[in-house]
Amino acid sequence: MSKYLAFDIGGTFIKYGLVTDSAEILENNKVKTPKTLDELLSIITNFTEKYSDVNGIAISAPGAVSDEGVIYGSSAIRYLHGPNIKNLVKEHTSLPVYLENDANCAGYAEIWNGAAKGKKDVLVMVIGTGIGGSVFKDGQLHKGNHLHGGEFGYMLLTSDVQDSNDVWSRVASSAALVREVAKRKQIDVESISGEQIFQLADSGDMVCIQAIDRFYHLLAVGIYNLQYIYDPEVIVIGGGISARDDLIGGINEKLDNILARVDLAKIKPEIVPCNYRQNANLLGAVYGAMLNESR
């Protein structure tokens, strides 16, 4: 049995875990995300000394991650962008290091042993503050020419484009739902959560009911587009909201409405919730590391 030390670097916490090559998490916990790169390297080094019998290190990180180990783009953790993170971790630990984008890692987890196991052509959507994702063709991760494969959130659903607030991430994410309700209720966006919005809708709050209805419609429109752009076997939906039992049903209802109006369209997207949620990035990073070793 091979074991890997996995890290999921987030804006608030770094999750870490000891993961086997059979997708079993033996130990896991989290620490607060440090403010400097040196502190991050110290954290990784200290855990490597604690778990000295691992085959390698697998890291999930935000941003456009190159195979060489440089993370392009931007994120809440600014110090990750610029230096070669993979090489620095190698130098500090003397272990093989695999580094990949967090949404791609989430996709790998579902391909490995989750909702997309056994599938070849798959899209994975992660709905949260924005909308990200990953693309798999013939079972292989497709990162794209500019490392933007799976950046579904940049998609536009309107021809009346004014600014960045018109992209799919800004109009159909979980955060967008919260902003919409806060605006209509004229309350501070920090005073309400997505979970509270669904609770209020269940109790008959019309503002929340209408906002959720629009939320499902905008998700369905984007998913319809993705289906006809790529024609995947399945679209796996992740993010915190994927835990809701009514999410898939709500989107499917809107897809049915769209297909009833667009009589040219005969294929309904198959959408399923992800199997792995809070641990997806840890597991996916390890699967990516295993695939990288076999090449």
Protein backbone atom coordinates (compact mmCIF):
# COMPACT_ATOMS: atom_id res chain seq x y z
CA MET A 1 0.00 0.00 0.00
CA SER A 2 1.37 3.37 -1.04
CA LYS A 3 0.66 6.47 1.03
CA TYR A 4 0.77 10.14 0.12
CA LEU A 5 0.77 13.34 2.11
CA ALA A 6 -1.88 15.55 0.52
CA PHE A 7 -2.46 19.29 0.97
CA ASP A 8 -5.44 21.37 -0.15
CA ILE A 9 -4.39 25.03 0.00
CA GLY A 10 -7.37 27.32 0.52
CA GLY A 11 -7.74 31.00 1.30
CA THR A 12 -8.62 30.40 4.97
CA PHE A 13 -7.32 26.92 5.79
CA ILE A 14 -4.88 24.34 4.50
CA LYS A 15 -6.41 20.89 4.73
CA TYR A 16 -3.99 18.01 4.93
CA GLY A 17 -4.34 14.27 4.95
CA LEU A 18 -2.55 10.95 4.80
CA VAL A 19 -4.14 9.20 1.81
CA THR A 20 -3.61 5.69 0.44
CA ASP A 21 -3.53 4.55 -3.17
CA SER A 22 -6.96 2.97 -2.62
CA ALA A 23 -8.61 6.36 -1.84
CA GLU A 24 -8.64 5.84 1.92
CA ILE A 25 -7.95 8.84 4.14
CA LEU A 26 -6.07 7.54 7.17
CA GLU A 27 -5.72 10.92 8.90
CA ASN A 28 -6.78 14.45 8.07
CA ASN A 29 -7.05 17.85 9.67
CA LYS A 30 -6.51 21.50 8.83
CA VAL A 31 -4.38 24.48 9.83
CA LYS A 32 -4.86 28.17 9.21
CA THR A 33 -3.41 29.33 5.90
CA PRO A 34 -0.14 31.18 6.62
CA LYS A 35 0.57 34.72 5.45
CA THR A 36 3.91 34.02 3.76
CA LEU A 37 5.42 31.44 1.43
CA ASP A 38 8.19 30.65 3.92
CA GLU A 39 5.58 29.76 6.53
CA LEU A 40 3.76 27.55 4.04
CA LEU A 41 6.96 25.69 3.19
CA SER A 42 7.68 25.23 6.90
CA ILE A 43 4.22 23.72 7.46
CA ILE A 44 4.67 21.26 4.59
CA THR A 45 8.19 20.37 5.75
CA ASN A 46 7.07 19.76 9.33
CA PHE A 47 4.29 17.41 8.22
CA THR A 48 6.72 15.59 5.93
CA GLU A 49 8.96 14.92 8.93
CA LYS A 50 5.97 13.65 10.89
CA TYR A 51 4.81 11.32 8.10
CA SER A 52 8.18 10.05 6.95
CA ASP A 53 6.97 6.88 5.18
CA VAL A 54 5.03 8.54 2.33
CA ASN A 55 5.68 8.00 -1.38
CA GLY A 56 5.25 11.63 -2.23
CA ILE A 57 3.43 14.92 -1.73
CA ALA A 58 0.23 15.85 -3.58
CA ILE A 59 -0.94 19.47 -3.53
CA SER A 60 -4.22 21.08 -4.61
CA ALA A 61 -3.95 24.85 -5.09
CA PRO A 62 -5.91 27.75 -6.57
CA GLY A 63 -4.87 29.34 -9.84
CA ALA A 64 -3.68 28.21 -13.26
CA VAL A 65 -1.17 25.52 -12.35
CA SER A 66 1.43 24.63 -14.97
CA ASP A 67 3.02 21.20 -15.24
CA GLU A 68 6.36 22.81 -14.43
CA GLY A 69 5.07 23.99 -11.05
CA VAL A 70 4.43 27.71 -11.56
CA ILE A 71 0.95 28.93 -10.60
CA TYR A 72 -0.31 31.64 -12.94
CA GLY A 73 -3.38 33.85 -12.58
CA SER A 74 -4.43 35.19 -9.22
CA SER A 75 -6.08 34.08 -6.00
CA ALA A 76 -6.55 35.11 -2.39
CA ILE A 77 -3.09 33.66 -1.65
CA ARG A 78 -0.90 36.06 -3.61
CA TYR A 79 2.45 34.53 -2.68
CA LEU A 80 1.60 31.34 -4.55
CA HIS A 81 1.77 33.15 -7.89
CA GLY A 82 5.20 33.65 -9.43
CA PRO A 83 7.69 31.24 -7.81
CA ASN A 84 7.96 27.59 -8.81
CA ILE A 85 6.03 26.07 -5.92
CA LYS A 86 6.66 22.47 -6.97
CA ASN A 87 10.43 22.92 -7.03
CA LEU A 88 10.47 24.77 -3.72
CA VAL A 89 8.52 21.98 -1.99
CA LYS A 90 10.85 19.39 -3.55
CA GLU A 91 13.88 21.27 -2.25
CA HIS A 92 12.45 21.44 1.28
CA THR A 93 11.22 17.83 1.48
CA SER A 94 13.38 15.78 -0.93
CA LEU A 95 10.19 14.00 -2.04
CA PRO A 96 8.35 13.74 -5.39
CA VAL A 97 5.77 16.53 -5.61
CA TYR A 98 2.56 16.72 -7.64
CA LEU A 99 0.78 20.09 -7.90
CA GLU A 100 -2.57 20.74 -9.58
CA ASN A 101 -5.43 23.25 -9.69
CA ASP A 102 -8.08 22.66 -7.03
CA ALA A 103 -11.03 22.25 -9.42
CA ASN A 104 -9.02 19.77 -11.49
CA CYS A 105 -8.26 17.86 -8.30
CA ALA A 106 -11.97 17.76 -7.45
CA GLY A 107 -12.57 16.31 -10.90
CA TYR A 108 -9.86 13.71 -10.45
CA ALA A 109 -11.51 12.53 -7.22
CA GLU A 110 -14.80 11.91 -9.02
CA ILE A 111 -13.08 10.18 -11.94
CA TRP A 112 -11.02 8.00 -9.59
CA ASN A 113 -13.64 6.62 -7.27
CA GLY A 114 -16.65 8.94 -7.34
CA ALA A 115 -19.67 9.90 -9.41
CA ALA A 116 -17.76 9.73 -12.72
CA LYS A 117 -15.93 6.46 -12.10
CA GLY A 118 -15.72 4.45 -15.32
CA LYS A 119 -16.69 7.44 -17.49
CA LYS A 120 -14.46 8.84 -20.25
CA ASP A 121 -15.92 12.21 -21.29
CA VAL A 122 -16.83 14.17 -18.19
CA LEU A 123 -17.34 17.75 -17.04
CA VAL A 124 -17.08 18.61 -13.36
CA MET A 125 -18.63 21.86 -12.09
CA VAL A 126 -17.78 23.33 -8.71
CA ILE A 127 -20.34 25.90 -7.53
CA GLY A 128 -19.30 28.18 -4.69
CA THR A 129 -18.06 31.77 -4.55
CA GLY A 130 -17.71 31.39 -8.30
CA ILE A 131 -18.11 28.55 -10.80
CA GLY A 132 -15.06 26.52 -11.72
CA GLY A 133 -14.57 23.07 -13.06
CA SER A 134 -12.57 20.54 -14.99
CA VAL A 135 -12.75 18.78 -18.34
CA PHE A 136 -11.91 15.12 -19.01
CA LYS A 137 -11.56 13.70 -22.52
CA ASP A 138 -11.06 9.95 -22.93
CA GLY A 139 -10.42 9.84 -19.20
CA GLN A 140 -7.60 12.38 -19.43
CA LEU A 141 -7.60 15.83 -17.84
CA HIS A 142 -7.75 18.61 -20.46
CA LYS A 143 -6.08 21.76 -19.13
CA GLY A 144 -6.20 23.78 -22.35
CA ASN A 145 -3.69 25.92 -24.22
CA HIS A 146 -3.78 28.68 -21.58
CA LEU A 147 -4.45 26.41 -18.56
CA HIS A 148 -8.06 27.63 -18.58
CA GLY A 149 -9.79 24.38 -19.50
CA GLY A 150 -12.79 24.09 -17.17
CA GLU A 151 -13.05 27.79 -16.37
CA PHE A 152 -16.78 27.67 -17.04
CA GLY A 153 -17.40 30.66 -14.81
CA TYR A 154 -16.09 33.03 -17.50
CA MET A 155 -18.95 32.02 -19.79
CA LEU A 156 -21.46 34.71 -20.80
CA LEU A 157 -25.21 34.09 -20.84
CA THR A 158 -26.17 37.51 -22.22
CA SER A 159 -25.35 39.55 -25.32
CA ASP A 160 -25.73 42.78 -23.34
CA VAL A 161 -22.28 42.60 -21.76
CA GLN A 162 -21.42 45.49 -19.47
CA ASP A 163 -18.54 44.25 -17.30
CA SER A 164 -17.14 41.29 -15.38
CA ASN A 165 -20.32 41.06 -13.33
CA ASP A 166 -22.02 39.51 -16.36
CA VAL A 167 -19.98 36.28 -16.37
CA TRP A 168 -21.63 33.04 -15.21
CA SER A 169 -19.69 32.99 -11.94
CA ARG A 170 -21.12 36.36 -10.96
CA VAL A 171 -24.75 35.60 -11.83
CA ALA A 172 -25.24 31.89 -11.06
CA SER A 173 -22.90 30.96 -8.21
CA SER A 174 -23.93 30.36 -4.61
CA ALA A 175 -22.47 33.76 -3.77
CA ALA A 176 -24.54 35.34 -6.56
CA LEU A 177 -27.71 33.89 -5.04
CA VAL A 178 -26.84 35.49 -1.69
CA ARG A 179 -26.07 38.85 -3.34
CA GLU A 180 -29.37 38.78 -5.24
CA VAL A 181 -31.45 38.16 -2.12
CA ALA A 182 -29.53 40.73 -0.08
CA LYS A 183 -30.08 43.32 -2.80
CA ARG A 184 -33.81 42.65 -3.09
CA LYS A 185 -34.28 42.65 0.67
CA GLN A 186 -32.01 45.70 1.06
CA ILE A 187 -29.91 44.00 3.71
CA ASP A 188 -26.17 43.53 4.18
CA VAL A 189 -24.84 40.61 2.15
CA GLU A 190 -23.02 39.34 5.25
CA SER A 191 -26.28 39.08 7.18
CA ILE A 192 -27.68 36.13 5.24
CA SER A 193 -26.36 32.81 3.97
CA GLY A 194 -27.32 30.47 1.16
CA GLU A 195 -28.61 27.95 3.67
CA GLN A 196 -30.85 30.59 5.26
CA ILE A 197 -32.19 31.55 1.82
CA PHE A 198 -33.38 28.00 1.19
CA GLN A 199 -34.88 27.82 4.68
CA LEU A 200 -36.78 31.07 4.08
CA ALA A 201 -37.99 29.80 0.72
CA ASP A 202 -39.32 26.65 2.40
CA SER A 203 -41.31 28.88 4.76
CA GLY A 204 -42.87 30.83 1.87
CA ASP A 205 -40.58 33.87 1.49
CA MET A 206 -41.34 35.04 -2.06
CA VAL A 207 -38.08 36.95 -2.54
CA CYS A 208 -36.10 33.81 -1.75
CA ILE A 209 -38.39 31.57 -3.80
CA GLN A 210 -37.99 33.81 -6.86
CA ALA A 211 -34.23 34.15 -6.38
CA ILE A 212 -33.78 30.36 -6.16
CA ASP A 213 -35.97 29.91 -9.24
CA ARG A 214 -33.73 32.33 -11.18
CA PHE A 215 -30.62 30.65 -9.76
CA TYR A 216 -31.72 27.23 -11.04
CA HIS A 217 -32.65 28.70 -14.43
CA LEU A 218 -29.25 30.36 -14.92
CA LEU A 219 -27.46 27.17 -13.91
CA ALA A 220 -29.60 25.20 -16.37
CA VAL A 221 -28.87 27.59 -19.24
CA GLY A 222 -25.12 27.27 -18.67
CA ILE A 223 -25.31 23.49 -18.32
CA TYR A 224 -27.36 23.28 -21.53
CA ASN A 225 -24.58 25.21 -23.32
CA LEU A 226 -21.87 22.96 -21.88
CA GLN A 227 -23.73 19.84 -23.01
CA TYR A 228 -23.91 21.01 -26.60
CA ILE A 229 -20.36 22.37 -26.64
CA TYR A 230 -18.75 19.20 -25.31
CA ASP A 231 -21.40 16.43 -25.24
CA PRO A 232 -20.12 14.72 -22.08
CA GLU A 233 -21.45 11.46 -20.67
CA VAL A 234 -22.17 13.17 -17.39
CA ILE A 235 -21.82 16.56 -15.70
CA VAL A 236 -20.85 16.23 -12.04
CA ILE A 237 -21.81 19.11 -9.76
CA GLY A 238 -19.76 19.87 -6.68
CA GLY A 239 -19.38 22.64 -4.12
CA GLY A 240 -21.20 23.02 -0.82
CA ILE A 241 -24.59 23.43 -2.45
CA SER A 242 -24.30 20.00 -4.08
CA ALA A 243 -25.21 18.52 -0.68
CA ARG A 244 -28.78 19.77 -1.15
CA ASP A 245 -31.16 16.96 -2.14
CA ASP A 246 -33.30 19.34 -4.22
CA LEU A 247 -30.47 20.87 -6.30
CA ILE A 248 -30.42 18.32 -9.13
CA GLY A 249 -34.21 18.21 -9.29
CA GLY A 250 -34.44 22.01 -9.44
CA ILE A 251 -31.93 22.25 -12.29
CA ASN A 252 -33.52 19.33 -14.15
CA GLU A 253 -36.91 21.05 -14.04
CA LYS A 254 -35.40 24.12 -15.69
CA LEU A 255 -33.60 21.96 -18.27
CA ASP A 256 -36.94 20.36 -19.15
CA ASN A 257 -38.43 23.83 -19.67
CA ILE A 258 -35.55 24.82 -21.96
CA LEU A 259 -35.74 21.62 -24.01
CA ALA A 260 -39.51 22.01 -24.39
CA ARG A 261 -38.95 25.41 -26.00
CA VAL A 262 -35.87 24.56 -28.08
CA ASP A 263 -37.30 21.74 -30.15
CA LEU A 264 -34.00 21.28 -32.05
CA ALA A 265 -32.36 20.04 -28.86
CA LYS A 266 -32.94 16.33 -28.22
CA ILE A 267 -30.22 15.58 -25.65
CA LYS A 268 -30.83 16.32 -21.99
CA PRO A 269 -27.67 16.70 -19.93
CA GLU A 270 -27.17 14.03 -17.29
CA ILE A 271 -26.28 15.86 -14.09
CA VAL A 272 -25.30 14.19 -10.83
CA PRO A 273 -23.98 15.44 -7.49
CA CYS A 274 -20.36 14.73 -6.60
CA ASN A 275 -19.55 11.92 -4.17
CA TYR A 276 -16.71 13.75 -2.46
CA ARG A 277 -17.13 17.20 -1.02
CA GLN A 278 -14.75 18.53 1.63
CA ASN A 279 -12.18 15.81 0.87
CA ALA A 280 -12.37 15.90 -2.94
CA ASN A 281 -9.28 18.03 -3.45
CA LEU A 282 -7.11 15.88 -1.18
CA LEU A 283 -8.18 12.67 -2.90
CA GLY A 284 -7.95 14.13 -6.39
CA ALA A 285 -4.46 15.49 -5.80
CA VAL A 286 -3.33 11.99 -4.79
CA TYR A 287 -4.94 10.42 -7.85
CA GLY A 288 -3.18 12.99 -10.03
CA ALA A 289 0.11 12.10 -8.34
CA MET A 290 -0.48 8.39 -8.99
CA LEU A 291 -1.24 9.02 -12.67
CA ASN A 292 1.84 11.23 -12.96
CA GLU A 293 4.02 8.44 -11.54
CA SER A 294 2.71 5.93 -14.08
CA ARG A 295 3.57 8.08 -17.08
